[in-house]
């Protein structure tokens, strides 16, 4: 009888923790930035043009951190191509921030798969650090006032992307 009590004392909490973990969506990772102003950035586009957060004020932003070596990013790239067509002319700006990748790889990738967003080179990962990026793909939804409204980790679906953009 004591063994069963000890067994339940050990296995019970472990089972409860596992059950709780299985009810959580792994793509919804909390960010301390949600509800706060997006961190300022000053990067260059793939074309060499400077780009800052201040220059984008007044536009809802979808900021996607991605890399050519990321398998889920390839799937997500198709979603962004579709979204760029769907939301053309609405004022929504799509930014693809290159995460720990080379400019050469990015150019080859975009030539093969298309360019659905403005590509920003974050060669020193300063922007990724400021935004708390832990891996790719990660996407931030920023309203026209510059406030981060949502963060999503993992490959986006068109349905989720559309829902978040409409909420901006």
C-alpha atoms as a PDB file:
ATOM      1  CA  UNK A   1       0.000   0.000   0.000  1.00  0.00           C
ATOM      2  CA  UNK A   2       2.872   2.393   0.821  1.00  0.00           C
ATOM      3  CA  UNK A   3       4.361   1.710  -2.603  1.00  0.00           C
ATOM      4  CA  UNK A   4       1.145   2.760  -4.327  1.00  0.00           C
ATOM      5  CA  UNK A   5       1.025   5.927  -2.296  1.00  0.00           C
ATOM      6  CA  UNK A   6       4.629   6.727  -3.156  1.00  0.00           C
ATOM      7  CA  UNK A   7       3.988   5.845  -6.791  1.00  0.00           C
ATOM      8  CA  UNK A   8       0.983   8.205  -6.954  1.00  0.00           C
ATOM      9  CA  UNK A   9       2.917  10.924  -5.139  1.00  0.00           C
ATOM     10  CA  UNK A  10       5.632  10.824  -7.800  1.00  0.00           C
ATOM     11  CA  UNK A  11       3.668   9.971 -10.952  1.00  0.00           C
ATOM     12  CA  UNK A  12       0.623  12.157 -10.206  1.00  0.00           C
ATOM     13  CA  UNK A  13       2.369  15.539 -10.489  1.00  0.00           C
ATOM     14  CA  UNK A  14       4.355  14.418 -13.542  1.00  0.00           C
ATOM     15  CA  UNK A  15       1.171  13.286 -15.272  1.00  0.00           C
ATOM     16  CA  UNK A  16      -0.538  16.573 -14.403  1.00  0.00           C
ATOM     17  CA  UNK A  17       2.366  18.590 -15.843  1.00  0.00           C
ATOM     18  CA  UNK A  18       2.375  16.547 -19.044  1.00  0.00           C
ATOM     19  CA  UNK A  19      -1.381  16.922 -19.429  1.00  0.00           C
ATOM     20  CA  UNK A  20      -1.102  20.675 -18.925  1.00  0.00           C
ATOM     21  CA  UNK A  21       1.720  20.890 -21.470  1.00  0.00           C
ATOM     22  CA  UNK A  22      -0.273  19.028 -24.089  1.00  0.00           C
ATOM     23  CA  UNK A  23      -3.066  21.596 -23.881  1.00  0.00           C
ATOM     24  CA  UNK A  24      -0.718  24.482 -24.820  1.00  0.00           C
ATOM     25  CA  UNK A  25      -0.144  25.701 -28.383  1.00  0.00           C
ATOM     26  CA  UNK A  26       3.645  25.625 -28.945  1.00  0.00           C
ATOM     27  CA  UNK A  27       3.362  28.440 -31.500  1.00  0.00           C
ATOM     28  CA  UNK A  28       2.010  30.867 -28.944  1.00  0.00           C
ATOM     29  CA  UNK A  29       5.104  31.876 -27.054  1.00  0.00           C
ATOM     30  CA  UNK A  30       4.580  34.846 -24.792  1.00  0.00           C
ATOM     31  CA  UNK A  31       6.566  37.955 -25.560  1.00  0.00           C
ATOM     32  CA  UNK A  32       7.133  40.847 -23.190  1.00  0.00           C
ATOM     33  CA  UNK A  33       6.880  43.125 -26.235  1.00  0.00           C
ATOM     34  CA  UNK A  34       3.192  42.442 -26.952  1.00  0.00           C
ATOM     35  CA  UNK A  35       1.251  45.600 -26.139  1.00  0.00           C
ATOM     36  CA  UNK A  36       4.397  47.746 -26.191  1.00  0.00           C
ATOM     37  CA  UNK A  37       6.011  49.910 -28.881  1.00  0.00           C
ATOM     38  CA  UNK A  38       8.027  47.941 -31.410  1.00  0.00           C
ATOM     39  CA  UNK A  39      11.771  48.386 -30.910  1.00  0.00           C
ATOM     40  CA  UNK A  40      13.254  50.873 -33.359  1.00  0.00           C
ATOM     41  CA  UNK A  41      15.528  49.521 -36.065  1.00  0.00           C
ATOM     42  CA  UNK A  42      17.761  50.852 -38.788  1.00  0.00           C
ATOM     43  CA  UNK A  43      18.646  48.250 -41.379  1.00  0.00           C
ATOM     44  CA  UNK A  44      19.301  48.126 -45.102  1.00  0.00           C
ATOM     45  CA  UNK A  45      17.111  46.473 -47.673  1.00  0.00           C
ATOM     46  CA  UNK A  46      18.479  43.859 -50.029  1.00  0.00           C
ATOM     47  CA  UNK A  47      18.691  46.717 -52.555  1.00  0.00           C
ATOM     48  CA  UNK A  48      20.929  48.719 -50.208  1.00  0.00           C
ATOM     49  CA  UNK A  49      18.314  51.298 -49.197  1.00  0.00           C
ATOM     50  CA  UNK A  50      18.125  52.327 -45.521  1.00  0.00           C
ATOM     51  CA  UNK A  51      14.908  51.319 -43.712  1.00  0.00           C
ATOM     52  CA  UNK A  52      13.795  52.422 -40.256  1.00  0.00           C
ATOM     53  CA  UNK A  53      10.765  51.756 -38.124  1.00  0.00           C
ATOM     54  CA  UNK A  54      10.092  55.519 -38.004  1.00  0.00           C
ATOM     55  CA  UNK A  55       9.788  55.603 -41.819  1.00  0.00           C
ATOM     56  CA  UNK A  56       7.001  53.013 -41.602  1.00  0.00           C
ATOM     57  CA  UNK A  57       4.886  54.848 -39.023  1.00  0.00           C
ATOM     58  CA  UNK A  58       1.231  54.884 -39.997  1.00  0.00           C
ATOM     59  CA  UNK A  59       1.316  51.475 -41.665  1.00  0.00           C
ATOM     60  CA  UNK A  60       0.362  48.159 -40.107  1.00  0.00           C
ATOM     61  CA  UNK A  61       3.435  45.903 -40.256  1.00  0.00           C
ATOM     62  CA  UNK A  62       3.976  42.189 -40.506  1.00  0.00           C
ATOM     63  CA  UNK A  63       7.602  41.589 -39.532  1.00  0.00           C
ATOM     64  CA  UNK A  64       8.789  38.079 -40.329  1.00  0.00           C
ATOM     65  CA  UNK A  65      12.188  36.771 -39.244  1.00  0.00           C
ATOM     66  CA  UNK A  66      13.265  34.056 -41.681  1.00  0.00           C
ATOM     67  CA  UNK A  67      16.238  32.283 -43.275  1.00  0.00           C
ATOM     68  CA  UNK A  68      16.913  30.331 -46.453  1.00  0.00           C
ATOM     69  CA  UNK A  69      18.072  27.290 -44.453  1.00  0.00           C
ATOM     70  CA  UNK A  70      14.759  27.119 -42.544  1.00  0.00           C
ATOM     71  CA  UNK A  71      12.386  24.433 -43.859  1.00  0.00           C
ATOM     72  CA  UNK A  72       9.202  25.927 -42.356  1.00  0.00           C
ATOM     73  CA  UNK A  73      10.213  29.318 -43.820  1.00  0.00           C
ATOM     74  CA  UNK A  74       9.930  27.865 -47.329  1.00  0.00           C
ATOM     75  CA  UNK A  75       6.346  26.778 -46.639  1.00  0.00           C
ATOM     76  CA  UNK A  76       5.599  30.134 -45.058  1.00  0.00           C
ATOM     77  CA  UNK A  77       7.124  31.954 -48.047  1.00  0.00           C
ATOM     78  CA  UNK A  78       4.242  30.697 -50.211  1.00  0.00           C
ATOM     79  CA  UNK A  79       1.777  32.064 -47.639  1.00  0.00           C
ATOM     80  CA  UNK A  80       3.460  35.469 -47.754  1.00  0.00           C
ATOM     81  CA  UNK A  81       3.293  35.510 -51.570  1.00  0.00           C
ATOM     82  CA  UNK A  82      -0.455  34.924 -51.327  1.00  0.00           C
ATOM     83  CA  UNK A  83      -0.841  37.527 -48.559  1.00  0.00           C
ATOM     84  CA  UNK A  84       1.085  40.141 -50.557  1.00  0.00           C
ATOM     85  CA  UNK A  85      -1.452  39.724 -53.391  1.00  0.00           C
ATOM     86  CA  UNK A  86      -4.453  39.645 -51.054  1.00  0.00           C
ATOM     87  CA  UNK A  87      -3.466  42.776 -49.132  1.00  0.00           C
ATOM     88  CA  UNK A  88      -1.951  44.794 -52.004  1.00  0.00           C
ATOM     89  CA  UNK A  89      -3.107  48.385 -51.815  1.00  0.00           C
ATOM     90  CA  UNK A  90      -4.319  48.172 -48.208  1.00  0.00           C
ATOM     91  CA  UNK A  91      -1.301  49.881 -46.638  1.00  0.00           C
ATOM     92  CA  UNK A  92      -0.072  46.759 -44.843  1.00  0.00           C
ATOM     93  CA  UNK A  93       3.699  46.438 -45.149  1.00  0.00           C
ATOM     94  CA  UNK A  94       5.388  43.048 -45.115  1.00  0.00           C
ATOM     95  CA  UNK A  95       8.996  42.963 -43.916  1.00  0.00           C
ATOM     96  CA  UNK A  96      11.167  39.873 -44.173  1.00  0.00           C
ATOM     97  CA  UNK A  97      14.124  40.188 -41.810  1.00  0.00           C
ATOM     98  CA  UNK A  98      16.974  37.857 -42.737  1.00  0.00           C
ATOM     99  CA  UNK A  99      18.105  35.886 -39.692  1.00  0.00           C
ATOM    100  CA  UNK A 100      21.651  34.488 -39.551  1.00  0.00           C
ATOM    101  CA  UNK A 101      21.994  33.977 -43.294  1.00  0.00           C
ATOM    102  CA  UNK A 102      24.084  35.358 -46.135  1.00  0.00           C
ATOM    103  CA  UNK A 103      23.053  37.926 -48.699  1.00  0.00           C
ATOM    104  CA  UNK A 104      24.098  35.538 -51.493  1.00  0.00           C
ATOM    105  CA  UNK A 105      21.829  32.762 -50.203  1.00  0.00           C
ATOM    106  CA  UNK A 106      18.945  35.214 -49.828  1.00  0.00           C
ATOM    107  CA  UNK A 107      19.307  36.522 -53.391  1.00  0.00           C
ATOM    108  CA  UNK A 108      19.355  32.987 -54.814  1.00  0.00           C
ATOM    109  CA  UNK A 109      16.359  31.955 -52.712  1.00  0.00           C
ATOM    110  CA  UNK A 110      14.285  34.972 -53.748  1.00  0.00           C
ATOM    111  CA  UNK A 111      15.182  34.510 -57.397  1.00  0.00           C
ATOM    112  CA  UNK A 112      13.865  30.964 -57.214  1.00  0.00           C
ATOM    113  CA  UNK A 113      10.811  31.470 -54.970  1.00  0.00           C
ATOM    114  CA  UNK A 114       9.816  35.113 -55.461  1.00  0.00           C
ATOM    115  CA  UNK A 115       9.927  38.193 -53.260  1.00  0.00           C
ATOM    116  CA  UNK A 116       6.680  38.716 -51.341  1.00  0.00           C
ATOM    117  CA  UNK A 117       8.061  41.253 -48.869  1.00  0.00           C
ATOM    118  CA  UNK A 118      10.655  43.957 -48.437  1.00  0.00           C
ATOM    119  CA  UNK A 119      13.807  42.123 -47.396  1.00  0.00           C
ATOM    120  CA  UNK A 120      15.878  43.607 -44.575  1.00  0.00           C
ATOM    121  CA  UNK A 121      19.394  42.419 -43.817  1.00  0.00           C
ATOM    122  CA  UNK A 122      20.023  41.986 -40.095  1.00  0.00           C
ATOM    123  CA  UNK A 123      23.592  40.802 -40.505  1.00  0.00           C
ATOM    124  CA  UNK A 124      24.611  41.362 -36.876  1.00  0.00           C
ATOM    125  CA  UNK A 125      21.258  40.047 -35.542  1.00  0.00           C
ATOM    126  CA  UNK A 126      20.749  43.313 -33.624  1.00  0.00           C
ATOM    127  CA  UNK A 127      17.080  43.563 -34.602  1.00  0.00           C
ATOM    128  CA  UNK A 128      16.487  39.886 -33.834  1.00  0.00           C
ATOM    129  CA  UNK A 129      17.983  40.409 -30.380  1.00  0.00           C
ATOM    130  CA  UNK A 130      15.897  43.529 -29.759  1.00  0.00           C
ATOM    131  CA  UNK A 131      12.738  41.620 -30.707  1.00  0.00           C
ATOM    132  CA  UNK A 132      13.685  38.576 -28.619  1.00  0.00           C
ATOM    133  CA  UNK A 133      13.765  36.165 -31.544  1.00  0.00           C
ATOM    134  CA  UNK A 134      14.642  32.650 -30.461  1.00  0.00           C
ATOM    135  CA  UNK A 135      14.512  31.002 -33.875  1.00  0.00           C
ATOM    136  CA  UNK A 136      12.837  31.169 -37.243  1.00  0.00           C
ATOM    137  CA  UNK A 137      10.262  31.643 -38.435  1.00  0.00           C
ATOM    138  CA  UNK A 138       8.885  34.200 -36.000  1.00  0.00           C
ATOM    139  CA  UNK A 139       6.418  36.900 -36.943  1.00  0.00           C
ATOM    140  CA  UNK A 140       5.408  40.122 -35.212  1.00  0.00           C
ATOM    141  CA  UNK A 141       2.203  42.006 -35.984  1.00  0.00           C
ATOM    142  CA  UNK A 142       2.550  45.751 -35.401  1.00  0.00           C
ATOM    143  CA  UNK A 143      -0.349  48.180 -35.680  1.00  0.00           C
ATOM    144  CA  UNK A 144      -0.176  51.564 -37.472  1.00  0.00           C
ATOM    145  CA  UNK A 145       0.708  53.263 -34.178  1.00  0.00           C
ATOM    146  CA  UNK A 146       3.802  51.073 -33.801  1.00  0.00           C
ATOM    147  CA  UNK A 147       2.470  48.804 -31.023  1.00  0.00           C
ATOM    148  CA  UNK A 148       3.200  45.074 -31.216  1.00  0.00           C
ATOM    149  CA  UNK A 149      -0.157  43.302 -31.102  1.00  0.00           C
ATOM    150  CA  UNK A 150       0.928  39.681 -31.527  1.00  0.00           C
ATOM    151  CA  UNK A 151       3.940  37.410 -31.881  1.00  0.00           C
ATOM    152  CA  UNK A 152       3.768  34.013 -33.567  1.00  0.00           C
ATOM    153  CA  UNK A 153       6.475  31.350 -33.614  1.00  0.00           C
ATOM    154  CA  UNK A 154       6.428  28.827 -36.433  1.00  0.00           C
ATOM    155  CA  UNK A 155       5.112  28.766 -39.984  1.00  0.00           C
ATOM    156  CA  UNK A 156       1.991  30.863 -40.470  1.00  0.00           C
ATOM    157  CA  UNK A 157      -1.132  29.742 -42.255  1.00  0.00           C
ATOM    158  CA  UNK A 158      -2.990  32.123 -44.545  1.00  0.00           C
ATOM    159  CA  UNK A 159      -6.012  31.980 -42.240  1.00  0.00           C
ATOM    160  CA  UNK A 160      -4.015  33.039 -39.183  1.00  0.00           C
ATOM    161  CA  UNK A 161      -2.140  35.718 -41.105  1.00  0.00           C
ATOM    162  CA  UNK A 162      -5.366  37.161 -42.501  1.00  0.00           C
ATOM    163  CA  UNK A 163      -6.990  37.142 -39.044  1.00  0.00           C
ATOM    164  CA  UNK A 164      -4.066  38.997 -37.477  1.00  0.00           C
ATOM    165  CA  UNK A 165      -3.822  41.576 -40.271  1.00  0.00           C
ATOM    166  CA  UNK A 166      -7.529  42.312 -40.087  1.00  0.00           C
ATOM    167  CA  UNK A 167      -7.115  42.838 -36.333  1.00  0.00           C
ATOM    168  CA  UNK A 168      -4.467  45.502 -36.884  1.00  0.00           C
END
